[in-house]
Amino acid sequence: MSIEASSLDVAADQAARWAAKAGVVIRELRDLDEAHAVIDLLVGIWGRPENPLITVEFLRALTMAGNYVVGAYDGDRLIGVCIGFHAEPAARTLHSHIAGVAPGLAGRGVGTALKLHQRAWALARGIGTIEWTFDPLVSRNAYFNIVKLGALPVEYLPNFYGAMHDAINGGDDTDRLLVHWELLSPRVLAACSGAPYERPAGGPSSRRVAAPADIEALRAGDAAAAGAWRRRLRGELEPLMASGGRVVDFDFTLGYLVELPRPHGETS
């Protein structure tokens, strides 16, 4: 994919400005001590010290093979990490596997800074799409991905990882939405520049699917209610997407906005 130098410059500038706003320095991580620091941070976020999400050995292999492993530093302290690897060559896509920020730093903008750095990194290598998965029950992540970044869900994946007994997933089924971040699309360009895009209001050819306000608190206090939310959202959103519905927006109060496919032969 050929990308104009001006687009690369703008992406790099936006990434630098977001890092400065968040008060972090973001850099690629290559040595062994940095790999251990990444694992320690991931354990601090997800738990599972006996079975971390990724091992030091595999992390070292990813960096050696030229994949995306970066950290966000506040002074000497590692407070954020993002790890991705290349998809099949023909896809020209980066799969972003893990992104996390140290507990207690929500709202500072570290996550946004990491994603914009990842975007600039991918574009500099001729990669026009980044994909990742997220739990559709986590409303703050849905808003961040769909509204703040401009990424759009393309597939509903039921119980994608199987049960994950950690501080975040709590042993629940790991349903995920796969999103595509089309890095030079008008929607993403607007999101990265901070310009608001015209959010769709919904209409007769669309449907809303509700999501819980705070699934993490619900899992901690009422696992049965959290499980009921999983079944409800899966029962509504999965068939809509499987039949051609497109998630085009998210609202904390109203949930996902799904644009439904038009009946055969109908035109706008």
C-alpha atoms as a PDB file:
ATOM      1  CA  MET A   1       0.000   0.000   0.000  1.00  0.00           C
ATOM      2  CA  SER A   2       1.452   3.355  -1.035  1.00  0.00           C
ATOM      3  CA  ILE A   3       0.806   6.128   1.465  1.00  0.00           C
ATOM      4  CA  GLU A   4       1.556   9.772   0.775  1.00  0.00           C
ATOM      5  CA  ALA A   5       4.341  11.326   2.814  1.00  0.00           C
ATOM      6  CA  SER A   6       1.995  14.096   3.951  1.00  0.00           C
ATOM      7  CA  SER A   7      -0.330  11.519   5.539  1.00  0.00           C
ATOM      8  CA  LEU A   8       2.614   9.939   7.355  1.00  0.00           C
ATOM      9  CA  ASP A   9       3.730  13.317   8.663  1.00  0.00           C
ATOM     10  CA  VAL A  10       0.241  14.172   9.927  1.00  0.00           C
ATOM     11  CA  ALA A  11      -0.124  10.774  11.640  1.00  0.00           C
ATOM     12  CA  ALA A  12       3.267  11.128  13.334  1.00  0.00           C
ATOM     13  CA  ASP A  13       2.422  14.670  14.472  1.00  0.00           C
ATOM     14  CA  GLN A  14      -0.947  13.582  15.890  1.00  0.00           C
ATOM     15  CA  ALA A  15       0.707  10.708  17.746  1.00  0.00           C
ATOM     16  CA  ALA A  16       3.336  13.037  19.207  1.00  0.00           C
ATOM     17  CA  ARG A  17       0.728  15.574  20.317  1.00  0.00           C
ATOM     18  CA  TRP A  18      -1.401  12.931  22.051  1.00  0.00           C
ATOM     19  CA  ALA A  19       1.664  11.510  23.827  1.00  0.00           C
ATOM     20  CA  ALA A  20       2.584  14.986  25.062  1.00  0.00           C
ATOM     21  CA  LYS A  21      -0.993  15.590  26.208  1.00  0.00           C
ATOM     22  CA  ALA A  22      -0.957  12.316  28.169  1.00  0.00           C
ATOM     23  CA  GLY A  23       2.453  13.144  29.628  1.00  0.00           C
ATOM     24  CA  VAL A  24       4.144  10.020  28.322  1.00  0.00           C
ATOM     25  CA  VAL A  25       6.993   8.987  26.085  1.00  0.00           C
ATOM     26  CA  ILE A  26       6.117   6.044  23.845  1.00  0.00           C
ATOM     27  CA  ARG A  27       8.863   3.869  22.455  1.00  0.00           C
ATOM     28  CA  GLU A  28       9.423   0.432  21.016  1.00  0.00           C
ATOM     29  CA  LEU A  29      10.646  -2.130  23.552  1.00  0.00           C
ATOM     30  CA  ARG A  30      13.482  -4.419  22.576  1.00  0.00           C
ATOM     31  CA  ASP A  31      15.615  -5.610  25.486  1.00  0.00           C
ATOM     32  CA  LEU A  32      15.078  -8.323  28.082  1.00  0.00           C
ATOM     33  CA  ASP A  33      14.555  -6.023  31.058  1.00  0.00           C
ATOM     34  CA  GLU A  34      11.834  -4.181  29.133  1.00  0.00           C
ATOM     35  CA  ALA A  35      10.137  -7.487  28.312  1.00  0.00           C
ATOM     36  CA  HIS A  36      10.013  -8.396  32.004  1.00  0.00           C
ATOM     37  CA  ALA A  37       8.577  -4.961  32.801  1.00  0.00           C
ATOM     38  CA  VAL A  38       5.816  -5.535  30.215  1.00  0.00           C
ATOM     39  CA  ILE A  39       4.873  -8.858  31.803  1.00  0.00           C
ATOM     40  CA  ASP A  40       4.828  -7.269  35.269  1.00  0.00           C
ATOM     41  CA  LEU A  41       2.484  -4.523  34.027  1.00  0.00           C
ATOM     42  CA  LEU A  42       0.150  -7.016  32.352  1.00  0.00           C
ATOM     43  CA  VAL A  43      -0.014  -9.039  35.568  1.00  0.00           C
ATOM     44  CA  GLY A  44      -0.821  -5.834  37.441  1.00  0.00           C
ATOM     45  CA  ILE A  45      -3.762  -5.207  35.100  1.00  0.00           C
ATOM     46  CA  TRP A  46      -5.162  -8.695  34.493  1.00  0.00           C
ATOM     47  CA  GLY A  47      -3.778 -10.689  37.423  1.00  0.00           C
ATOM     48  CA  ARG A  48      -2.801 -14.293  36.666  1.00  0.00           C
ATOM     49  CA  PRO A  49       0.843 -14.146  37.880  1.00  0.00           C
ATOM     50  CA  GLU A  50       1.070 -17.920  37.496  1.00  0.00           C
ATOM     51  CA  ASN A  51      -0.250 -17.806  33.914  1.00  0.00           C
ATOM     52  CA  PRO A  52       0.369 -14.384  32.316  1.00  0.00           C
ATOM     53  CA  LEU A  53      -1.358 -13.362  29.088  1.00  0.00           C
ATOM     54  CA  ILE A  54       1.955 -13.546  27.254  1.00  0.00           C
ATOM     55  CA  THR A  55       5.385 -14.899  28.169  1.00  0.00           C
ATOM     56  CA  VAL A  56       8.722 -13.103  28.113  1.00  0.00           C
ATOM     57  CA  GLU A  57      10.020 -15.647  25.603  1.00  0.00           C
ATOM     58  CA  PHE A  58       7.167 -15.071  23.148  1.00  0.00           C
ATOM     59  CA  LEU A  59       7.419 -11.319  23.592  1.00  0.00           C
ATOM     60  CA  ARG A  60      11.106 -11.484  22.700  1.00  0.00           C
ATOM     61  CA  ALA A  61      10.268 -13.491  19.583  1.00  0.00           C
ATOM     62  CA  LEU A  62       7.674 -10.915  18.521  1.00  0.00           C
ATOM     63  CA  THR A  63      10.148  -8.061  18.775  1.00  0.00           C
ATOM     64  CA  MET A  64      12.858 -10.000  16.938  1.00  0.00           C
ATOM     65  CA  ALA A  65      10.408 -10.642  14.079  1.00  0.00           C
ATOM     66  CA  GLY A  66       9.637  -6.918  13.680  1.00  0.00           C
ATOM     67  CA  ASN A  67       6.212  -6.843  15.286  1.00  0.00           C
ATOM     68  CA  TYR A  68       4.696  -4.015  17.314  1.00  0.00           C
ATOM     69  CA  VAL A  69       5.698  -3.953  20.988  1.00  0.00           C
ATOM     70  CA  VAL A  70       5.700  -0.525  22.631  1.00  0.00           C
ATOM     71  CA  GLY A  71       5.507   0.980  26.076  1.00  0.00           C
ATOM     72  CA  ALA A  72       4.277   4.296  27.418  1.00  0.00           C
ATOM     73  CA  TYR A  73       6.593   5.761  30.059  1.00  0.00           C
ATOM     74  CA  ASP A  74       5.950   8.417  32.681  1.00  0.00           C
ATOM     75  CA  GLY A  75       9.547   9.189  33.537  1.00  0.00           C
ATOM     76  CA  ASP A  76      11.116   5.808  34.264  1.00  0.00           C
ATOM     77  CA  ARG A  77       7.805   4.109  35.045  1.00  0.00           C
ATOM     78  CA  LEU A  78       6.137   1.891  32.438  1.00  0.00           C
ATOM     79  CA  ILE A  79       2.414   2.723  32.649  1.00  0.00           C
ATOM     80  CA  GLY A  80       1.038   1.446  29.338  1.00  0.00           C
ATOM     81  CA  VAL A  81       1.760  -1.230  26.782  1.00  0.00           C
ATOM     82  CA  CYS A  82       0.489  -2.212  23.352  1.00  0.00           C
ATOM     83  CA  ILE A  83       1.398  -5.395  21.475  1.00  0.00           C
ATOM     84  CA  GLY A  84       0.470  -6.333  17.908  1.00  0.00           C
ATOM     85  CA  PHE A  85       1.598  -8.683  15.182  1.00  0.00           C
ATOM     86  CA  HIS A  86       1.259  -8.830  11.443  1.00  0.00           C
ATOM     87  CA  ALA A  87      -1.680 -10.649   9.854  1.00  0.00           C
ATOM     88  CA  GLU A  88      -1.305 -12.734   6.686  1.00  0.00           C
ATOM     89  CA  PRO A  89       0.856 -10.899   4.123  1.00  0.00           C
ATOM     90  CA  ALA A  90      -1.931 -10.320   1.592  1.00  0.00           C
ATOM     91  CA  ALA A  91      -4.133  -8.650   4.207  1.00  0.00           C
ATOM     92  CA  ARG A  92      -1.666  -5.819   4.961  1.00  0.00           C
ATOM     93  CA  THR A  93      -3.223  -5.677   8.426  1.00  0.00           C
ATOM     94  CA  LEU A  94      -1.768  -5.386  11.915  1.00  0.00           C
ATOM     95  CA  HIS A  95      -3.556  -7.417  14.584  1.00  0.00           C
ATOM     96  CA  SER A  96      -3.418  -5.521  17.881  1.00  0.00           C
ATOM     97  CA  HIS A  97      -3.499  -8.271  20.484  1.00  0.00           C
ATOM     98  CA  ILE A  98      -3.017  -6.579  23.859  1.00  0.00           C
ATOM     99  CA  ALA A  99      -3.286  -2.988  25.042  1.00  0.00           C
ATOM    100  CA  GLY A 100      -3.387  -1.976  28.673  1.00  0.00           C
ATOM    101  CA  VAL A 101      -2.769   0.933  31.020  1.00  0.00           C
ATOM    102  CA  ALA A 102      -1.775   0.726  34.684  1.00  0.00           C
ATOM    103  CA  PRO A 103      -4.719   0.767  37.124  1.00  0.00           C
ATOM    104  CA  GLY A 104      -5.779   4.180  38.362  1.00  0.00           C
ATOM    105  CA  LEU A 105      -4.783   6.108  35.234  1.00  0.00           C
ATOM    106  CA  ALA A 106      -8.100   6.049  33.366  1.00  0.00           C
ATOM    107  CA  GLY A 107      -8.979   9.354  31.717  1.00  0.00           C
ATOM    108  CA  ARG A 108      -5.406  10.538  31.278  1.00  0.00           C
ATOM    109  CA  GLY A 109      -5.313   9.725  27.558  1.00  0.00           C
ATOM    110  CA  VAL A 110      -2.563   7.099  27.663  1.00  0.00           C
ATOM    111  CA  GLY A 111      -4.672   4.596  25.719  1.00  0.00           C
ATOM    112  CA  THR A 112      -5.368   7.127  22.978  1.00  0.00           C
ATOM    113  CA  ALA A 113      -1.688   8.030  22.792  1.00  0.00           C
ATOM    114  CA  LEU A 114      -0.758   4.355  22.392  1.00  0.00           C
ATOM    115  CA  LYS A 115      -3.309   3.793  19.611  1.00  0.00           C
ATOM    116  CA  LEU A 116      -2.254   6.878  17.659  1.00  0.00           C
ATOM    117  CA  HIS A 117       1.372   5.795  17.953  1.00  0.00           C
ATOM    118  CA  GLN A 118       0.341   2.383  16.643  1.00  0.00           C
ATOM    119  CA  ARG A 119      -1.494   4.029  13.747  1.00  0.00           C
ATOM    120  CA  ALA A 120       1.538   6.100  12.755  1.00  0.00           C
ATOM    121  CA  TRP A 121       3.785   3.021  13.070  1.00  0.00           C
ATOM    122  CA  ALA A 122       1.500   0.964  10.811  1.00  0.00           C
ATOM    123  CA  LEU A 123       1.114   3.676   8.164  1.00  0.00           C
ATOM    124  CA  ALA A 124       4.898   4.127   8.017  1.00  0.00           C
ATOM    125  CA  ARG A 125       5.081   0.445   7.016  1.00  0.00           C
ATOM    126  CA  GLY A 126       2.393   0.655   4.361  1.00  0.00           C
ATOM    127  CA  ILE A 127      -0.287  -0.949   6.556  1.00  0.00           C
ATOM    128  CA  GLY A 128      -3.719   0.638   6.138  1.00  0.00           C
ATOM    129  CA  THR A 129      -5.789  -1.417   8.616  1.00  0.00           C
ATOM    130  CA  ILE A 130      -5.409  -2.373  12.254  1.00  0.00           C
ATOM    131  CA  GLU A 131      -7.788  -4.904  13.789  1.00  0.00           C
ATOM    132  CA  TRP A 132      -8.411  -5.986  17.359  1.00  0.00           C
ATOM    133  CA  THR A 133     -11.087  -7.515  19.562  1.00  0.00           C
ATOM    134  CA  PHE A 134     -12.897  -6.194  22.605  1.00  0.00           C
ATOM    135  CA  ASP A 135     -15.600  -7.373  24.979  1.00  0.00           C
ATOM    136  CA  PRO A 136     -18.918  -5.898  23.752  1.00  0.00           C
ATOM    137  CA  LEU A 137     -20.170  -5.730  27.342  1.00  0.00           C
ATOM    138  CA  VAL A 138     -17.503  -3.162  28.302  1.00  0.00           C
ATOM    139  CA  SER A 139     -19.213   0.103  27.402  1.00  0.00           C
ATOM    140  CA  ARG A 140     -16.198   2.347  27.975  1.00  0.00           C
ATOM    141  CA  ASN A 141     -14.177   0.274  25.506  1.00  0.00           C
ATOM    142  CA  ALA A 142     -17.020   0.303  22.973  1.00  0.00           C
ATOM    143  CA  TYR A 143     -17.192   4.093  23.180  1.00  0.00           C
ATOM    144  CA  PHE A 144     -13.406   4.450  22.975  1.00  0.00           C
ATOM    145  CA  ASN A 145     -13.065   2.166  19.961  1.00  0.00           C
ATOM    146  CA  ILE A 146     -16.115   3.204  17.952  1.00  0.00           C
ATOM    147  CA  VAL A 147     -16.533   6.876  18.792  1.00  0.00           C
ATOM    148  CA  LYS A 148     -13.132   8.198  19.879  1.00  0.00           C
ATOM    149  CA  LEU A 149     -11.005   6.178  17.432  1.00  0.00           C
ATOM    150  CA  GLY A 150     -13.508   5.591  14.615  1.00  0.00           C
ATOM    151  CA  ALA A 151     -12.973   1.806  14.459  1.00  0.00           C
ATOM    152  CA  LEU A 152     -16.000  -0.247  13.423  1.00  0.00           C
ATOM    153  CA  PRO A 153     -17.026  -3.784  14.436  1.00  0.00           C
ATOM    154  CA  VAL A 154     -17.109  -6.280  11.583  1.00  0.00           C
ATOM    155  CA  GLU A 155     -17.809  -9.615  13.317  1.00  0.00           C
ATOM    156  CA  TYR A 156     -19.280 -11.013  16.544  1.00  0.00           C
ATOM    157  CA  LEU A 157     -17.098 -13.808  17.988  1.00  0.00           C
ATOM    158  CA  PRO A 158     -18.839 -15.902  20.694  1.00  0.00           C
ATOM    159  CA  ASN A 159     -16.579 -17.152  23.518  1.00  0.00           C
ATOM    160  CA  PHE A 160     -13.526 -16.408  21.405  1.00  0.00           C
ATOM    161  CA  TYR A 161     -10.828 -17.222  23.977  1.00  0.00           C
ATOM    162  CA  GLY A 162     -12.803 -19.619  26.153  1.00  0.00           C
ATOM    163  CA  ALA A 163     -13.055 -18.955  29.897  1.00  0.00           C
ATOM    164  CA  MET A 164     -10.420 -16.534  31.215  1.00  0.00           C
ATOM    165  CA  HIS A 165     -10.161 -16.542  34.997  1.00  0.00           C
ATOM    166  CA  ASP A 166      -8.537 -13.178  35.600  1.00  0.00           C
ATOM    167  CA  ALA A 167      -9.231  -9.854  37.291  1.00  0.00           C
ATOM    168  CA  ILE A 168     -11.057  -8.471  34.249  1.00  0.00           C
ATOM    169  CA  ASN A 169     -12.985 -11.355  32.662  1.00  0.00           C
ATOM    170  CA  GLY A 170     -13.855 -13.172  35.884  1.00  0.00           C
ATOM    171  CA  GLY A 171     -14.404 -16.551  34.215  1.00  0.00           C
ATOM    172  CA  ASP A 172     -17.248 -15.266  32.002  1.00  0.00           C
ATOM    173  CA  ASP A 173     -17.574 -16.363  28.372  1.00  0.00           C
ATOM    174  CA  THR A 174     -15.181 -14.281  26.296  1.00  0.00           C
ATOM    175  CA  ASP A 175     -17.456 -12.986  23.540  1.00  0.00           C
ATOM    176  CA  ARG A 176     -15.624 -10.417  21.438  1.00  0.00           C
ATOM    177  CA  LEU A 177     -16.310  -7.909  18.699  1.00  0.00           C
ATOM    178  CA  LEU A 178     -13.679  -7.817  15.980  1.00  0.00           C
ATOM    179  CA  VAL A 179     -13.112  -4.231  14.852  1.00  0.00           C
ATOM    180  CA  HIS A 180     -11.335  -2.840  11.817  1.00  0.00           C
ATOM    181  CA  TRP A 181      -9.583   0.496  12.096  1.00  0.00           C
ATOM    182  CA  GLU A 182      -9.310   1.791   8.530  1.00  0.00           C
ATOM    183  CA  LEU A 183      -6.486   4.213   9.177  1.00  0.00           C
ATOM    184  CA  LEU A 184      -7.093   6.663   6.318  1.00  0.00           C
ATOM    185  CA  SER A 185     -10.898   6.538   6.173  1.00  0.00           C
ATOM    186  CA  PRO A 186     -12.751   9.859   6.580  1.00  0.00           C
ATOM    187  CA  ARG A 187     -14.192   8.653   9.897  1.00  0.00           C
ATOM    188  CA  VAL A 188     -10.768   7.834  11.333  1.00  0.00           C
ATOM    189  CA  LEU A 189      -9.141  10.973   9.954  1.00  0.00           C
ATOM    190  CA  ALA A 190     -11.810  13.035  11.708  1.00  0.00           C
ATOM    191  CA  ALA A 191     -11.410  11.100  14.961  1.00  0.00           C
ATOM    192  CA  CYS A 192      -7.622  11.454  15.007  1.00  0.00           C
ATOM    193  CA  SER A 193      -7.806  15.178  14.303  1.00  0.00           C
ATOM    194  CA  GLY A 194     -10.282  15.674  17.132  1.00  0.00           C
ATOM    195  CA  ALA A 195     -12.991  16.901  14.761  1.00  0.00           C
ATOM    196  CA  PRO A 196     -16.463  15.539  15.554  1.00  0.00           C
ATOM    197  CA  TYR A 197     -18.120  13.462  12.876  1.00  0.00           C
ATOM    198  CA  GLU A 198     -21.846  13.468  12.286  1.00  0.00           C
ATOM    199  CA  ARG A 199     -23.091  10.658  14.489  1.00  0.00           C
ATOM    200  CA  PRO A 200     -26.058   8.766  13.007  1.00  0.00           C
ATOM    201  CA  ALA A 201     -29.341   9.211  14.831  1.00  0.00           C
ATOM    202  CA  GLY A 202     -30.855   5.904  13.796  1.00  0.00           C
ATOM    203  CA  GLY A 203     -34.058   5.333  11.911  1.00  0.00           C
ATOM    204  CA  PRO A 204     -36.448   2.701  10.588  1.00  0.00           C
ATOM    205  CA  SER A 205     -33.564   0.729   9.030  1.00  0.00           C
ATOM    206  CA  SER A 206     -31.575   0.600  12.271  1.00  0.00           C
ATOM    207  CA  ARG A 207     -31.817  -0.966  15.717  1.00  0.00           C
ATOM    208  CA  ARG A 208     -30.362  -0.267  19.143  1.00  0.00           C
ATOM    209  CA  VAL A 209     -28.769  -3.001  21.282  1.00  0.00           C
ATOM    210  CA  ALA A 210     -28.278  -2.060  24.934  1.00  0.00           C
ATOM    211  CA  ALA A 211     -25.088  -2.639  26.909  1.00  0.00           C
ATOM    212  CA  PRO A 212     -24.531  -2.489  30.690  1.00  0.00           C
ATOM    213  CA  ALA A 213     -23.208   0.692  32.258  1.00  0.00           C
ATOM    214  CA  ASP A 214     -20.428  -1.041  34.236  1.00  0.00           C
ATOM    215  CA  ILE A 215     -19.973  -4.741  33.591  1.00  0.00           C
ATOM    216  CA  GLU A 216     -16.798  -4.950  35.719  1.00  0.00           C
ATOM    217  CA  ALA A 217     -18.665  -3.834  38.834  1.00  0.00           C
ATOM    218  CA  LEU A 218     -21.518  -6.193  37.994  1.00  0.00           C
ATOM    219  CA  ARG A 219     -19.166  -9.156  37.628  1.00  0.00           C
ATOM    220  CA  ALA A 220     -17.665  -8.378  41.025  1.00  0.00           C
ATOM    221  CA  GLY A 221     -21.029  -7.972  42.758  1.00  0.00           C
ATOM    222  CA  ASP A 222     -23.520 -10.139  40.870  1.00  0.00           C
ATOM    223  CA  ALA A 223     -22.040 -12.773  38.570  1.00  0.00           C
ATOM    224  CA  ALA A 224     -25.489 -14.115  37.642  1.00  0.00           C
ATOM    225  CA  ALA A 225     -26.644 -10.696  36.437  1.00  0.00           C
ATOM    226  CA  ALA A 226     -23.427 -10.273  34.470  1.00  0.00           C
ATOM    227  CA  GLY A 227     -24.018 -13.632  32.785  1.00  0.00           C
ATOM    228  CA  ALA A 228     -27.571 -12.619  31.943  1.00  0.00           C
ATOM    229  CA  TRP A 229     -26.244  -9.470  30.227  1.00  0.00           C
ATOM    230  CA  ARG A 230     -23.869 -11.640  28.184  1.00  0.00           C
ATOM    231  CA  ARG A 231     -26.663 -13.885  26.958  1.00  0.00           C
ATOM    232  CA  ARG A 232     -28.960 -10.956  26.214  1.00  0.00           C
ATOM    233  CA  LEU A 233     -26.427  -8.959  24.212  1.00  0.00           C
ATOM    234  CA  ARG A 234     -25.189 -12.035  22.347  1.00  0.00           C
ATOM    235  CA  GLY A 235     -28.757 -13.047  21.524  1.00  0.00           C
ATOM    236  CA  GLU A 236     -29.477  -9.649  19.997  1.00  0.00           C
ATOM    237  CA  LEU A 237     -26.215  -8.460  18.463  1.00  0.00           C
ATOM    238  CA  GLU A 238     -24.756 -11.679  17.042  1.00  0.00           C
ATOM    239  CA  PRO A 239     -27.699 -12.523  14.719  1.00  0.00           C
ATOM    240  CA  LEU A 240     -28.013  -8.895  13.597  1.00  0.00           C
ATOM    241  CA  MET A 241     -24.370  -8.809  12.524  1.00  0.00           C
ATOM    242  CA  ALA A 242     -24.468 -12.306  11.032  1.00  0.00           C
ATOM    243  CA  SER A 243     -27.358 -11.245   8.781  1.00  0.00           C
ATOM    244  CA  GLY A 244     -25.515  -8.193   7.462  1.00  0.00           C
ATOM    245  CA  GLY A 245     -26.180  -5.564  10.138  1.00  0.00           C
ATOM    246  CA  ARG A 246     -23.387  -3.020  10.638  1.00  0.00           C
ATOM    247  CA  VAL A 247     -22.548  -1.418  13.959  1.00  0.00           C
ATOM    248  CA  VAL A 248     -22.078   2.277  13.162  1.00  0.00           C
ATOM    249  CA  ASP A 249     -22.170   4.006  16.568  1.00  0.00           C
ATOM    250  CA  PHE A 250     -22.250   3.532  20.341  1.00  0.00           C
ATOM    251  CA  ASP A 251     -23.935   5.572  23.047  1.00  0.00           C
ATOM    252  CA  PHE A 252     -23.544   5.005  26.802  1.00  0.00           C
ATOM    253  CA  THR A 253     -27.290   5.322  27.355  1.00  0.00           C
ATOM    254  CA  LEU A 254     -28.669   3.750  24.163  1.00  0.00           C
ATOM    255  CA  GLY A 255     -26.005   1.143  23.395  1.00  0.00           C
ATOM    256  CA  TYR A 256     -24.953  -0.040  19.938  1.00  0.00           C
ATOM    257  CA  LEU A 257     -26.563   1.412  16.835  1.00  0.00           C
ATOM    258  CA  VAL A 258     -26.872  -1.288  14.176  1.00  0.00           C
ATOM    259  CA  GLU A 259     -27.668  -0.308  10.602  1.00  0.00           C
ATOM    260  CA  LEU A 260     -29.791  -3.098   9.172  1.00  0.00           C
ATOM    261  CA  PRO A 261     -29.447  -4.394   5.595  1.00  0.00           C
ATOM    262  CA  ARG A 262     -32.145  -3.173   3.237  1.00  0.00           C
ATOM    263  CA  PRO A 263     -34.603  -5.780   1.955  1.00  0.00           C
ATOM    264  CA  HIS A 264     -33.662  -7.263  -1.400  1.00  0.00           C
ATOM    265  CA  GLY A 265     -34.490  -4.882  -4.208  1.00  0.00           C
ATOM    266  CA  GLU A 266     -35.047  -1.845  -1.973  1.00  0.00           C
ATOM    267  CA  THR A 267     -32.988   1.252  -2.744  1.00  0.00           C
ATOM    268  CA  SER A 268     -32.445   4.428  -0.817  1.00  0.00           C
END
